[in-house]
Amino acid sequence: MTAPKAPLSAKEVAERLDTDPKTLRVFLRANAIPKSEESGRYEFKAADVAKLKKQFIAWTERRAEARAAAKEARAAAEQYDDTPFPGEDSE
C-alpha cells in the first residue's frame, strides 16, 4: 500500500504555473478557491494543476484586458481634466 502523496503548496503550484506565489494567491482569492480547513493554507493535488492552469491563464488574460482598459480610460480622462465645464470661467 502506498502512502498518500503530500499536497502541493501554493508555492509549488505557482512554480508549475510559471508565476509567483503572491499572484497565485490573488488569483485564488479572486476565484473563491478555499483554503484547507485543516491547515488553513492553500493545498492542491497534482491532478488539480492542469485545471488550475487553464483557469489561471484565462484570469490573467481578463486581468490584463481590464488593466489596459483602465489605463486607456485614465488617459482619456486626463485629456479633459483641464477643460472647464460649460459656463465656468477659464483661468
N, C-alpha and C. Protein backbone atom coordinates (compact mmCIF):
# COMPACT_ATOMS: atom_id res chain seq x y z
N MET A 1 0.84 -1.17 0.00
CA MET A 1 0.00 0.00 0.00
C MET A 1 0.89 1.24 0.00
N THR A 2 0.58 2.19 -0.84
CA THR A 2 1.39 3.41 -0.90
C THR A 2 0.77 4.49 -0.04
N ALA A 3 1.63 5.28 0.52
CA ALA A 3 1.17 6.39 1.36
C ALA A 3 0.62 7.49 0.46
N PRO A 4 -0.41 8.19 0.93
CA PRO A 4 -0.94 9.28 0.11
C PRO A 4 0.13 10.35 -0.10
N LYS A 5 0.14 10.92 -1.30
CA LYS A 5 1.12 11.96 -1.59
C LYS A 5 0.76 13.24 -0.86
N ALA A 6 1.78 13.92 -0.41
CA ALA A 6 1.56 15.20 0.28
C ALA A 6 0.98 16.21 -0.70
N PRO A 7 0.08 17.04 -0.24
CA PRO A 7 -0.50 18.05 -1.13
C PRO A 7 0.56 19.06 -1.56
N LEU A 8 0.33 19.68 -2.71
CA LEU A 8 1.22 20.72 -3.20
C LEU A 8 0.87 22.04 -2.52
N SER A 9 1.88 22.81 -2.23
CA SER A 9 1.67 24.13 -1.62
C SER A 9 1.41 25.16 -2.71
N ALA A 10 0.98 26.34 -2.30
CA ALA A 10 0.76 27.43 -3.25
C ALA A 10 2.07 27.77 -3.96
N LYS A 11 3.16 27.70 -3.24
CA LYS A 11 4.47 28.00 -3.84
C LYS A 11 4.79 26.98 -4.94
N GLU A 12 4.55 25.72 -4.67
CA GLU A 12 4.83 24.68 -5.66
C GLU A 12 3.92 24.83 -6.89
N VAL A 13 2.66 25.14 -6.65
CA VAL A 13 1.72 25.32 -7.77
C VAL A 13 2.11 26.57 -8.55
N ALA A 14 2.50 27.63 -7.87
CA ALA A 14 2.92 28.86 -8.56
C ALA A 14 4.09 28.56 -9.50
N GLU A 15 5.03 27.76 -9.04
CA GLU A 15 6.16 27.39 -9.90
C GLU A 15 5.68 26.63 -11.13
N ARG A 16 4.73 25.75 -10.96
CA ARG A 16 4.19 24.98 -12.09
C ARG A 16 3.38 25.85 -13.05
N LEU A 17 2.81 26.93 -12.53
CA LEU A 17 2.03 27.85 -13.37
C LEU A 17 2.89 28.98 -13.91
N ASP A 18 4.17 28.94 -13.58
CA ASP A 18 5.12 29.94 -14.06
C ASP A 18 4.76 31.35 -13.59
N THR A 19 4.42 31.44 -12.31
CA THR A 19 4.11 32.74 -11.70
C THR A 19 4.70 32.76 -10.30
N ASP A 20 4.45 33.84 -9.58
CA ASP A 20 4.93 33.93 -8.21
C ASP A 20 3.79 33.60 -7.24
N PRO A 21 4.11 33.19 -6.03
CA PRO A 21 3.06 32.82 -5.06
C PRO A 21 2.07 33.94 -4.76
N LYS A 22 2.52 35.18 -4.72
CA LYS A 22 1.62 36.29 -4.41
C LYS A 22 0.55 36.43 -5.49
N THR A 23 0.94 36.38 -6.76
CA THR A 23 -0.03 36.48 -7.86
C THR A 23 -0.98 35.30 -7.82
N LEU A 24 -0.46 34.12 -7.52
CA LEU A 24 -1.32 32.94 -7.43
C LEU A 24 -2.35 33.13 -6.32
N ARG A 25 -1.95 33.65 -5.18
CA ARG A 25 -2.90 33.86 -4.08
C ARG A 25 -3.97 34.89 -4.46
N VAL A 26 -3.60 35.93 -5.21
CA VAL A 26 -4.59 36.90 -5.68
C VAL A 26 -5.61 36.18 -6.56
N PHE A 27 -5.12 35.34 -7.46
CA PHE A 27 -5.99 34.55 -8.33
C PHE A 27 -6.90 33.64 -7.52
N LEU A 28 -6.35 32.96 -6.54
CA LEU A 28 -7.13 32.03 -5.72
C LEU A 28 -8.25 32.77 -4.97
N ARG A 29 -7.93 33.93 -4.40
CA ARG A 29 -8.94 34.71 -3.69
C ARG A 29 -9.99 35.25 -4.66
N ALA A 30 -9.56 35.71 -5.82
CA ALA A 30 -10.49 36.26 -6.82
C ALA A 30 -11.46 35.20 -7.33
N ASN A 31 -11.04 33.96 -7.28
CA ASN A 31 -11.88 32.87 -7.76
C ASN A 31 -12.49 32.05 -6.62
N ALA A 32 -12.42 32.58 -5.42
CA ALA A 32 -13.03 31.97 -4.24
C ALA A 32 -12.63 30.51 -4.05
N ILE A 33 -11.36 30.23 -4.30
CA ILE A 33 -10.85 28.87 -4.09
C ILE A 33 -10.48 28.77 -2.61
N PRO A 34 -11.08 27.83 -1.91
CA PRO A 34 -10.91 27.79 -0.45
C PRO A 34 -9.56 27.21 -0.01
N LYS A 35 -9.19 27.61 1.18
CA LYS A 35 -8.02 27.04 1.82
C LYS A 35 -8.42 25.74 2.49
N SER A 36 -7.44 24.95 2.83
CA SER A 36 -7.69 23.71 3.55
C SER A 36 -8.25 24.04 4.93
N GLU A 37 -9.31 23.34 5.33
CA GLU A 37 -9.88 23.57 6.66
C GLU A 37 -8.92 23.09 7.75
N GLU A 38 -8.14 22.06 7.43
CA GLU A 38 -7.22 21.51 8.43
C GLU A 38 -6.03 22.41 8.68
N SER A 39 -5.39 22.87 7.61
CA SER A 39 -4.15 23.62 7.77
C SER A 39 -4.33 25.13 7.65
N GLY A 40 -5.44 25.57 7.03
CA GLY A 40 -5.64 27.00 6.82
C GLY A 40 -4.79 27.53 5.68
N ARG A 41 -4.20 26.64 4.89
CA ARG A 41 -3.36 27.02 3.76
C ARG A 41 -3.97 26.50 2.48
N TYR A 42 -3.52 27.06 1.36
CA TYR A 42 -3.93 26.51 0.07
C TYR A 42 -3.16 25.22 -0.15
N GLU A 43 -3.88 24.17 -0.48
CA GLU A 43 -3.26 22.88 -0.76
C GLU A 43 -3.91 22.30 -2.01
N PHE A 44 -3.10 21.65 -2.83
CA PHE A 44 -3.60 21.13 -4.10
C PHE A 44 -3.07 19.73 -4.36
N LYS A 45 -3.84 18.99 -5.14
CA LYS A 45 -3.38 17.69 -5.64
C LYS A 45 -2.69 17.96 -6.96
N ALA A 46 -1.73 17.12 -7.31
CA ALA A 46 -1.03 17.28 -8.59
C ALA A 46 -2.02 17.24 -9.75
N ALA A 47 -3.07 16.45 -9.60
CA ALA A 47 -4.08 16.33 -10.67
C ALA A 47 -4.86 17.63 -10.87
N ASP A 48 -4.87 18.52 -9.88
CA ASP A 48 -5.59 19.79 -9.97
C ASP A 48 -4.86 20.84 -10.79
N VAL A 49 -3.57 20.65 -11.00
CA VAL A 49 -2.74 21.70 -11.60
C VAL A 49 -3.16 22.04 -13.03
N ALA A 50 -3.48 21.07 -13.85
CA ALA A 50 -3.87 21.34 -15.24
C ALA A 50 -5.12 22.21 -15.30
N LYS A 51 -6.12 21.89 -14.48
CA LYS A 51 -7.35 22.69 -14.45
C LYS A 51 -7.06 24.09 -13.94
N LEU A 52 -6.26 24.19 -12.88
CA LEU A 52 -5.90 25.50 -12.34
C LEU A 52 -5.15 26.32 -13.38
N LYS A 53 -4.28 25.68 -14.15
CA LYS A 53 -3.50 26.40 -15.15
C LYS A 53 -4.43 27.03 -16.20
N LYS A 54 -5.43 26.28 -16.66
CA LYS A 54 -6.39 26.84 -17.62
C LYS A 54 -7.11 28.04 -17.02
N GLN A 55 -7.57 27.90 -15.79
CA GLN A 55 -8.29 28.98 -15.13
C GLN A 55 -7.38 30.19 -14.91
N PHE A 56 -6.14 29.91 -14.54
CA PHE A 56 -5.18 30.97 -14.27
C PHE A 56 -4.87 31.75 -15.54
N ILE A 57 -4.66 31.06 -16.64
CA ILE A 57 -4.36 31.72 -17.91
C ILE A 57 -5.53 32.62 -18.32
N ALA A 58 -6.75 32.10 -18.23
CA ALA A 58 -7.93 32.89 -18.58
C ALA A 58 -8.04 34.11 -17.67
N TRP A 59 -7.78 33.94 -16.38
CA TRP A 59 -7.85 35.04 -15.42
C TRP A 59 -6.80 36.10 -15.73
N THR A 60 -5.57 35.68 -16.04
CA THR A 60 -4.52 36.66 -16.32
C THR A 60 -4.84 37.44 -17.59
N GLU A 61 -5.46 36.78 -18.58
CA GLU A 61 -5.85 37.48 -19.80
C GLU A 61 -6.94 38.52 -19.50
N ARG A 62 -7.95 38.12 -18.72
CA ARG A 62 -9.02 39.06 -18.35
C ARG A 62 -8.45 40.22 -17.53
N ARG A 63 -7.53 39.90 -16.65
CA ARG A 63 -6.93 40.92 -15.79
C ARG A 63 -6.11 41.91 -16.63
N ALA A 64 -5.37 41.40 -17.60
CA ALA A 64 -4.58 42.28 -18.47
C ALA A 64 -5.50 43.18 -19.30
N GLU A 65 -6.60 42.62 -19.81
CA GLU A 65 -7.56 43.41 -20.58
C GLU A 65 -8.18 44.50 -19.71
N ALA A 66 -8.53 44.16 -18.49
CA ALA A 66 -9.14 45.14 -17.58
C ALA A 66 -8.15 46.24 -17.24
N ARG A 67 -6.90 45.87 -17.02
CA ARG A 67 -5.89 46.88 -16.71
C ARG A 67 -5.65 47.80 -17.91
N ALA A 68 -5.62 47.23 -19.11
CA ALA A 68 -5.42 48.04 -20.32
C ALA A 68 -6.60 48.99 -20.51
N ALA A 69 -7.81 48.52 -20.27
CA ALA A 69 -8.99 49.37 -20.41
C ALA A 69 -8.96 50.49 -19.37
N ALA A 70 -8.55 50.18 -18.17
CA ALA A 70 -8.47 51.20 -17.12
C ALA A 70 -7.41 52.25 -17.47
N LYS A 71 -6.30 51.80 -18.00
CA LYS A 71 -5.23 52.72 -18.39
C LYS A 71 -5.72 53.63 -19.52
N GLU A 72 -6.43 53.06 -20.47
CA GLU A 72 -6.99 53.82 -21.57
C GLU A 72 -8.00 54.85 -21.06
N ALA A 73 -8.83 54.45 -20.13
CA ALA A 73 -9.83 55.35 -19.56
C ALA A 73 -9.16 56.49 -18.80
N ARG A 74 -8.10 56.18 -18.06
CA ARG A 74 -7.37 57.24 -17.34
C ARG A 74 -6.76 58.23 -18.33
N ALA A 75 -6.18 57.71 -19.41
CA ALA A 75 -5.57 58.58 -20.42
C ALA A 75 -6.63 59.47 -21.06
N ALA A 76 -7.79 58.90 -21.35
CA ALA A 76 -8.87 59.69 -21.94
C ALA A 76 -9.37 60.74 -20.96
N ALA A 77 -9.46 60.40 -19.70
CA ALA A 77 -9.94 61.34 -18.69
C ALA A 77 -8.95 62.49 -18.50
N GLU A 78 -7.67 62.20 -18.63
CA GLU A 78 -6.65 63.24 -18.47
C GLU A 78 -6.79 64.32 -19.53
N GLN A 79 -7.30 63.98 -20.69
CA GLN A 79 -7.49 64.97 -21.75
C GLN A 79 -8.49 66.03 -21.31
N TYR A 80 -9.41 65.66 -20.47
CA TYR A 80 -10.49 66.57 -20.11
C TYR A 80 -10.31 67.22 -18.74
N ASP A 81 -9.25 66.88 -18.04
CA ASP A 81 -9.05 67.42 -16.70
C ASP A 81 -8.93 68.94 -16.68
N ASP A 82 -8.30 69.52 -17.69
CA ASP A 82 -8.07 70.95 -17.70
C ASP A 82 -9.15 71.72 -18.46
N THR A 83 -10.09 71.03 -19.01
CA THR A 83 -11.14 71.68 -19.78
C THR A 83 -12.25 72.13 -18.84
N PRO A 84 -12.56 73.44 -18.84
CA PRO A 84 -13.62 73.92 -17.95
C PRO A 84 -14.99 73.43 -18.44
N PHE A 85 -15.87 73.23 -17.51
CA PHE A 85 -17.25 72.87 -17.85
C PHE A 85 -17.91 74.07 -18.50
N PRO A 86 -18.91 73.84 -19.34
CA PRO A 86 -19.62 74.97 -19.96
C PRO A 86 -20.15 75.91 -18.87
N GLY A 87 -19.93 77.18 -19.09
CA GLY A 87 -20.40 78.17 -18.14
C GLY A 87 -19.39 78.51 -17.06
N GLU A 88 -18.32 77.74 -16.96
CA GLU A 88 -17.27 78.03 -15.98
C GLU A 88 -16.26 78.97 -16.60
N ASP A 89 -15.69 79.82 -15.77
CA ASP A 89 -14.64 80.71 -16.27
C ASP A 89 -13.35 79.93 -16.40
N SER A 90 -12.65 80.16 -17.47
CA SER A 90 -11.32 79.56 -17.59
C SER A 90 -10.33 80.55 -17.03
N GLU A 91 -9.35 80.07 -16.37
CA GLU A 91 -8.39 80.95 -15.69
C GLU A 91 -7.37 81.51 -16.62
